[in-house]
Amino acid sequence: METVHEGITSPHGLSSTVEIIQRRRETRYYKLLCLVADRVTPLQLSNPLYLAPTPPSVGQYSSQQKPLDG
């Protein structure tokens, strides 16, 4: 007979899952930041008066993208 523990995660498993999600958010943030920088750099070179919008910090981005309560 096989015992299935559906939906039960050990405390270590849960904390490692939260850490993985946080790392993914930070990775996504830095990828987006690179995309913005690639777009803004030519604009700044062509127009020295161009002021790029300031992106949120990684902490602000992560808290805004947080799907879990905690």
PDB file of N, CA and C in Angstrom:
ATOM      1  N   MET A   1       0.841  -1.173   0.000  1.00  0.00           N
ATOM      2  CA  MET A   1       0.000   0.000   0.000  1.00  0.00           C
ATOM      3  C   MET A   1       0.893   1.245   0.000  1.00  0.00           C
ATOM      4  N   GLU A   2       0.537   2.205  -0.830  1.00  0.00           N
ATOM      5  CA  GLU A   2       1.327   3.422  -0.969  1.00  0.00           C
ATOM      6  C   GLU A   2       0.638   4.571  -0.241  1.00  0.00           C
ATOM      7  N   THR A   3       1.409   5.294   0.540  1.00  0.00           N
ATOM      8  CA  THR A   3       0.879   6.453   1.250  1.00  0.00           C
ATOM      9  C   THR A   3       1.230   7.711   0.466  1.00  0.00           C
ATOM     10  N   VAL A   4       0.233   8.519   0.207  1.00  0.00           N
ATOM     11  CA  VAL A   4       0.438   9.757  -0.533  1.00  0.00           C
ATOM     12  C   VAL A   4       0.118  10.920   0.389  1.00  0.00           C
ATOM     13  N   HIS A   5       1.051  11.843   0.503  1.00  0.00           N
ATOM     14  CA  HIS A   5       0.859  13.039   1.322  1.00  0.00           C
ATOM     15  C   HIS A   5       0.662  14.216   0.376  1.00  0.00           C
ATOM     16  N   GLU A   6      -0.512  14.352  -0.140  1.00  0.00           N
ATOM     17  CA  GLU A   6      -0.784  15.409  -1.104  1.00  0.00           C
ATOM     18  C   GLU A   6      -0.965  16.745  -0.392  1.00  0.00           C
ATOM     19  N   GLY A   7      -0.232  17.733  -0.853  1.00  0.00           N
ATOM     20  CA  GLY A   7      -0.381  19.073  -0.304  1.00  0.00           C
ATOM     21  C   GLY A   7       0.356  19.306   0.995  1.00  0.00           C
ATOM     22  N   ILE A   8       1.131  18.342   1.451  1.00  0.00           N
ATOM     23  CA  ILE A   8       1.872  18.510   2.701  1.00  0.00           C
ATOM     24  C   ILE A   8       3.343  18.707   2.358  1.00  0.00           C
ATOM     25  N   THR A   9       3.901  19.792   2.824  1.00  0.00           N
ATOM     26  CA  THR A   9       5.303  20.092   2.584  1.00  0.00           C
ATOM     27  C   THR A   9       5.989  20.276   3.926  1.00  0.00           C
ATOM     28  N   SER A  10       7.174  19.696   4.041  1.00  0.00           N
ATOM     29  CA  SER A  10       7.925  19.857   5.284  1.00  0.00           C
ATOM     30  C   SER A  10       8.353  21.315   5.434  1.00  0.00           C
ATOM     31  N   PRO A  11       8.657  21.749   6.647  1.00  0.00           N
ATOM     32  CA  PRO A  11       9.098  23.139   6.837  1.00  0.00           C
ATOM     33  C   PRO A  11      10.330  23.475   5.992  1.00  0.00           C
ATOM     34  N   HIS A  12      11.261  22.518   5.886  1.00  0.00           N
ATOM     35  CA  HIS A  12      12.453  22.774   5.066  1.00  0.00           C
ATOM     36  C   HIS A  12      12.072  22.883   3.594  1.00  0.00           C
ATOM     37  N   GLY A  13      11.186  22.018   3.141  1.00  0.00           N
ATOM     38  CA  GLY A  13      10.747  22.065   1.746  1.00  0.00           C
ATOM     39  C   GLY A  13      10.044  23.362   1.425  1.00  0.00           C
ATOM     40  N   LEU A  14       9.238  23.842   2.349  1.00  0.00           N
ATOM     41  CA  LEU A  14       8.518  25.101   2.147  1.00  0.00           C
ATOM     42  C   LEU A  14       9.479  26.283   2.114  1.00  0.00           C
ATOM     43  N   SER A  15      10.437  26.305   3.034  1.00  0.00           N
ATOM     44  CA  SER A  15      11.383  27.427   3.053  1.00  0.00           C
ATOM     45  C   SER A  15      12.271  27.417   1.817  1.00  0.00           C
ATOM     46  N   SER A  16      12.660  26.235   1.348  1.00  0.00           N
ATOM     47  CA  SER A  16      13.483  26.198   0.136  1.00  0.00           C
ATOM     48  C   SER A  16      12.667  26.611  -1.078  1.00  0.00           C
ATOM     49  N   THR A  17      11.379  26.286  -1.096  1.00  0.00           N
ATOM     50  CA  THR A  17      10.510  26.707  -2.195  1.00  0.00           C
ATOM     51  C   THR A  17      10.382  28.224  -2.223  1.00  0.00           C
ATOM     52  N   VAL A  18      10.215  28.833  -1.072  1.00  0.00           N
ATOM     53  CA  VAL A  18      10.107  30.295  -0.989  1.00  0.00           C
ATOM     54  C   VAL A  18      11.413  30.943  -1.450  1.00  0.00           C
ATOM     55  N   GLU A  19      12.553  30.358  -1.076  1.00  0.00           N
ATOM     56  CA  GLU A  19      13.848  30.894  -1.508  1.00  0.00           C
ATOM     57  C   GLU A  19      14.003  30.797  -3.021  1.00  0.00           C
ATOM     58  N   ILE A  20      13.553  29.699  -3.607  1.00  0.00           N
ATOM     59  CA  ILE A  20      13.628  29.520  -5.062  1.00  0.00           C
ATOM     60  C   ILE A  20      12.767  30.561  -5.764  1.00  0.00           C
ATOM     61  N   ILE A  21      11.566  30.789  -5.244  1.00  0.00           N
ATOM     62  CA  ILE A  21      10.673  31.793  -5.838  1.00  0.00           C
ATOM     63  C   ILE A  21      11.306  33.178  -5.749  1.00  0.00           C
ATOM     64  N   GLN A  22      11.905  33.501  -4.614  1.00  0.00           N
ATOM     65  CA  GLN A  22      12.557  34.802  -4.445  1.00  0.00           C
ATOM     66  C   GLN A  22      13.710  34.956  -5.428  1.00  0.00           C
ATOM     67  N   ARG A  23      14.510  33.901  -5.602  1.00  0.00           N
ATOM     68  CA  ARG A  23      15.622  33.946  -6.550  1.00  0.00           C
ATOM     69  C   ARG A  23      15.126  34.148  -7.978  1.00  0.00           C
ATOM     70  N   ARG A  24      14.025  33.486  -8.330  1.00  0.00           N
ATOM     71  CA  ARG A  24      13.454  33.645  -9.672  1.00  0.00           C
ATOM     72  C   ARG A  24      12.973  35.072  -9.897  1.00  0.00           C
ATOM     73  N   ARG A  25      12.339  35.665  -8.879  1.00  0.00           N
ATOM     74  CA  ARG A  25      11.888  37.058  -8.996  1.00  0.00           C
ATOM     75  C   ARG A  25      13.066  37.994  -9.217  1.00  0.00           C
ATOM     76  N   GLU A  26      14.144  37.785  -8.451  1.00  0.00           N
ATOM     77  CA  GLU A  26      15.319  38.639  -8.596  1.00  0.00           C
ATOM     78  C   GLU A  26      15.952  38.467  -9.972  1.00  0.00           C
ATOM     79  N   THR A  27      16.020  37.232 -10.466  1.00  0.00           N
ATOM     80  CA  THR A  27      16.565  36.983 -11.800  1.00  0.00           C
ATOM     81  C   THR A  27      15.718  37.666 -12.859  1.00  0.00           C
ATOM     82  N   ARG A  28      14.395  37.562 -12.735  1.00  0.00           N
ATOM     83  CA  ARG A  28      13.485  38.214 -13.682  1.00  0.00           C
ATOM     84  C   ARG A  28      13.670  39.728 -13.639  1.00  0.00           C
ATOM     85  N   TYR A  29      13.835  40.284 -12.451  1.00  0.00           N
ATOM     86  CA  TYR A  29      14.034  41.727 -12.300  1.00  0.00           C
ATOM     87  C   TYR A  29      15.287  42.178 -13.047  1.00  0.00           C
ATOM     88  N   TYR A  30      16.395  41.461 -12.854  1.00  0.00           N
ATOM     89  CA  TYR A  30      17.639  41.874 -13.497  1.00  0.00           C
ATOM     90  C   TYR A  30      17.579  41.703 -15.008  1.00  0.00           C
ATOM     91  N   LYS A  31      16.844  40.704 -15.498  1.00  0.00           N
ATOM     92  CA  LYS A  31      16.650  40.568 -16.946  1.00  0.00           C
ATOM     93  C   LYS A  31      15.858  41.756 -17.488  1.00  0.00           C
ATOM     94  N   LEU A  32      14.802  42.143 -16.786  1.00  0.00           N
ATOM     95  CA  LEU A  32      14.014  43.304 -17.203  1.00  0.00           C
ATOM     96  C   LEU A  32      14.841  44.583 -17.146  1.00  0.00           C
ATOM     97  N   LEU A  33      15.661  44.710 -16.123  1.00  0.00           N
ATOM     98  CA  LEU A  33      16.514  45.889 -15.990  1.00  0.00           C
ATOM     99  C   LEU A  33      17.502  45.977 -17.155  1.00  0.00           C
ATOM    100  N   CYS A  34      18.036  44.844 -17.582  1.00  0.00           N
ATOM    101  CA  CYS A  34      18.943  44.827 -18.741  1.00  0.00           C
ATOM    102  C   CYS A  34      18.207  45.222 -20.011  1.00  0.00           C
ATOM    103  N   LEU A  35      16.975  44.751 -20.173  1.00  0.00           N
ATOM    104  CA  LEU A  35      16.190  45.124 -21.348  1.00  0.00           C
ATOM    105  C   LEU A  35      15.924  46.631 -21.371  1.00  0.00           C
ATOM    106  N   VAL A  36      15.604  47.193 -20.220  1.00  0.00           N
ATOM    107  CA  VAL A  36      15.361  48.635 -20.128  1.00  0.00           C
ATOM    108  C   VAL A  36      16.645  49.398 -20.454  1.00  0.00           C
ATOM    109  N   ALA A  37      17.765  48.940 -19.911  1.00  0.00           N
ATOM    110  CA  ALA A  37      19.044  49.616 -20.168  1.00  0.00           C
ATOM    111  C   ALA A  37      19.404  49.562 -21.649  1.00  0.00           C
ATOM    112  N   ASP A  38      19.133  48.423 -22.295  1.00  0.00           N
ATOM    113  CA  ASP A  38      19.412  48.307 -23.732  1.00  0.00           C
ATOM    114  C   ASP A  38      18.567  49.279 -24.548  1.00  0.00           C
ATOM    115  N   ARG A  39      17.380  49.562 -24.099  1.00  0.00           N
ATOM    116  CA  ARG A  39      16.493  50.486 -24.814  1.00  0.00           C
ATOM    117  C   ARG A  39      16.828  51.949 -24.495  1.00  0.00           C
ATOM    118  N   VAL A  40      17.208  52.211 -23.257  1.00  0.00           N
ATOM    119  CA  VAL A  40      17.443  53.590 -22.817  1.00  0.00           C
ATOM    120  C   VAL A  40      18.784  54.129 -23.319  1.00  0.00           C
ATOM    121  N   THR A  41      19.800  53.289 -23.395  1.00  0.00           N
ATOM    122  CA  THR A  41      21.135  53.754 -23.781  1.00  0.00           C
ATOM    123  C   THR A  41      21.148  54.472 -25.130  1.00  0.00           C
ATOM    124  N   PRO A  42      20.562  53.904 -26.197  1.00  0.00           N
ATOM    125  CA  PRO A  42      20.552  54.647 -27.468  1.00  0.00           C
ATOM    126  C   PRO A  42      19.770  55.960 -27.390  1.00  0.00           C
ATOM    127  N   LEU A  43      18.706  55.969 -26.603  1.00  0.00           N
ATOM    128  CA  LEU A  43      17.931  57.200 -26.457  1.00  0.00           C
ATOM    129  C   LEU A  43      18.753  58.290 -25.773  1.00  0.00           C
ATOM    130  N   GLN A  44      19.522  57.897 -24.771  1.00  0.00           N
ATOM    131  CA  GLN A  44      20.362  58.870 -24.074  1.00  0.00           C
ATOM    132  C   GLN A  44      21.511  59.353 -24.957  1.00  0.00           C
ATOM    133  N   LEU A  45      22.031  58.470 -25.801  1.00  0.00           N
ATOM    134  CA  LEU A  45      23.115  58.875 -26.700  1.00  0.00           C
ATOM    135  C   LEU A  45      22.614  59.830 -27.779  1.00  0.00           C
ATOM    136  N   SER A  46      21.398  59.596 -28.256  1.00  0.00           N
ATOM    137  CA  SER A  46      20.865  60.458 -29.311  1.00  0.00           C
ATOM    138  C   SER A  46      20.322  61.781 -28.766  1.00  0.00           C
ATOM    139  N   ASN A  47      19.916  61.783 -27.501  1.00  0.00           N
ATOM    140  CA  ASN A  47      19.370  62.997 -26.899  1.00  0.00           C
ATOM    141  C   ASN A  47      19.940  63.140 -25.483  1.00  0.00           C
ATOM    142  N   PRO A  48      20.945  63.975 -25.297  1.00  0.00           N
ATOM    143  CA  PRO A  48      21.566  64.121 -23.977  1.00  0.00           C
ATOM    144  C   PRO A  48      20.611  64.626 -22.894  1.00  0.00           C
ATOM    145  N   LEU A  49      19.519  65.256 -23.276  1.00  0.00           N
ATOM    146  CA  LEU A  49      18.565  65.767 -22.288  1.00  0.00           C
ATOM    147  C   LEU A  49      17.522  64.730 -21.876  1.00  0.00           C
ATOM    148  N   TYR A  50      17.569  63.559 -22.503  1.00  0.00           N
ATOM    149  CA  TYR A  50      16.589  62.510 -22.188  1.00  0.00           C
ATOM    150  C   TYR A  50      16.808  61.990 -20.768  1.00  0.00           C
ATOM    151  N   LEU A  51      15.757  61.988 -19.990  1.00  0.00           N
ATOM    152  CA  LEU A  51      15.808  61.439 -18.635  1.00  0.00           C
ATOM    153  C   LEU A  51      14.980  60.165 -18.600  1.00  0.00           C
ATOM    154  N   ALA A  52      15.645  59.071 -18.349  1.00  0.00           N
ATOM    155  CA  ALA A  52      14.961  57.782 -18.299  1.00  0.00           C
ATOM    156  C   ALA A  52      14.185  57.661 -16.998  1.00  0.00           C
ATOM    157  N   PRO A  53      13.057  56.951 -17.026  1.00  0.00           N
ATOM    158  CA  PRO A  53      12.330  56.719 -15.777  1.00  0.00           C
ATOM    159  C   PRO A  53      13.165  55.841 -14.843  1.00  0.00           C
ATOM    160  N   THR A  54      13.035  56.084 -13.572  1.00  0.00           N
ATOM    161  CA  THR A  54      13.779  55.306 -12.587  1.00  0.00           C
ATOM    162  C   THR A  54      13.024  54.021 -12.272  1.00  0.00           C
ATOM    163  N   PRO A  55      13.659  52.873 -12.517  1.00  0.00           N
ATOM    164  CA  PRO A  55      12.979  51.609 -12.214  1.00  0.00           C
ATOM    165  C   PRO A  55      12.928  51.379 -10.704  1.00  0.00           C
ATOM    166  N   PRO A  56      11.998  50.557 -10.254  1.00  0.00           N
ATOM    167  CA  PRO A  56      11.942  50.250  -8.821  1.00  0.00           C
ATOM    168  C   PRO A  56      13.161  49.426  -8.412  1.00  0.00           C
ATOM    169  N   SER A  57      13.463  49.428  -7.135  1.00  0.00           N
ATOM    170  CA  SER A  57      14.564  48.597  -6.644  1.00  0.00           C
ATOM    171  C   SER A  57      14.135  47.135  -6.694  1.00  0.00           C
ATOM    172  N   VAL A  58      15.096  46.240  -6.545  1.00  0.00           N
ATOM    173  CA  VAL A  58      14.777  44.809  -6.582  1.00  0.00           C
ATOM    174  C   VAL A  58      13.833  44.441  -5.436  1.00  0.00           C
ATOM    175  N   GLY A  59      13.982  45.080  -4.289  1.00  0.00           N
ATOM    176  CA  GLY A  59      13.083  44.816  -3.165  1.00  0.00           C
ATOM    177  C   GLY A  59      11.660  45.258  -3.443  1.00  0.00           C
ATOM    178  N   GLN A  60      11.518  46.443  -4.040  1.00  0.00           N
ATOM    179  CA  GLN A  60      10.181  46.933  -4.391  1.00  0.00           C
ATOM    180  C   GLN A  60       9.540  46.038  -5.441  1.00  0.00           C
ATOM    181  N   TYR A  61      10.325  45.656  -6.457  1.00  0.00           N
ATOM    182  CA  TYR A  61       9.799  44.793  -7.519  1.00  0.00           C
ATOM    183  C   TYR A  61       9.351  43.450  -6.947  1.00  0.00           C
ATOM    184  N   SER A  62      10.181  42.863  -6.081  1.00  0.00           N
ATOM    185  CA  SER A  62       9.857  41.558  -5.504  1.00  0.00           C
ATOM    186  C   SER A  62       8.603  41.620  -4.645  1.00  0.00           C
ATOM    187  N   SER A  63       8.456  42.693  -3.879  1.00  0.00           N
ATOM    188  CA  SER A  63       7.265  42.794  -3.027  1.00  0.00           C
ATOM    189  C   SER A  63       6.009  43.031  -3.859  1.00  0.00           C
ATOM    190  N   GLN A  64       6.135  43.753  -4.980  1.00  0.00           N
ATOM    191  CA  GLN A  64       4.976  43.979  -5.851  1.00  0.00           C
ATOM    192  C   GLN A  64       4.581  42.713  -6.602  1.00  0.00           C
ATOM    193  N   GLN A  65       5.551  41.851  -6.891  1.00  0.00           N
ATOM    194  CA  GLN A  65       5.295  40.634  -7.658  1.00  0.00           C
ATOM    195  C   GLN A  65       5.037  39.425  -6.764  1.00  0.00           C
ATOM    196  N   LYS A  66       4.854  39.645  -5.483  1.00  0.00           N
ATOM    197  CA  LYS A  66       4.737  38.554  -4.523  1.00  0.00           C
ATOM    198  C   LYS A  66       3.362  37.904  -4.606  1.00  0.00           C
ATOM    199  N   PRO A  67       3.284  36.648  -5.090  1.00  0.00           N
ATOM    200  CA  PRO A  67       1.994  35.973  -5.146  1.00  0.00           C
ATOM    201  C   PRO A  67       1.613  35.299  -3.831  1.00  0.00           C
ATOM    202  N   LEU A  68       2.584  35.112  -2.938  1.00  0.00           N
ATOM    203  CA  LEU A  68       2.326  34.430  -1.672  1.00  0.00           C
ATOM    204  C   LEU A  68       2.110  35.442  -0.560  1.00  0.00           C
ATOM    205  N   ASP A  69       1.256  35.106   0.373  1.00  0.00           N
ATOM    206  CA  ASP A  69       1.092  35.941   1.564  1.00  0.00           C
ATOM    207  C   ASP A  69       2.213  35.597   2.518  1.00  0.00           C
ATOM    208  N   GLY A  70       2.757  36.587   3.161  1.00  0.00           N
ATOM    209  CA  GLY A  70       3.804  36.245   4.097  1.00  0.00           C
ATOM    210  C   GLY A  70       4.454  37.372   4.667  1.00  0.00           C
TER     211      GLY A  70
END
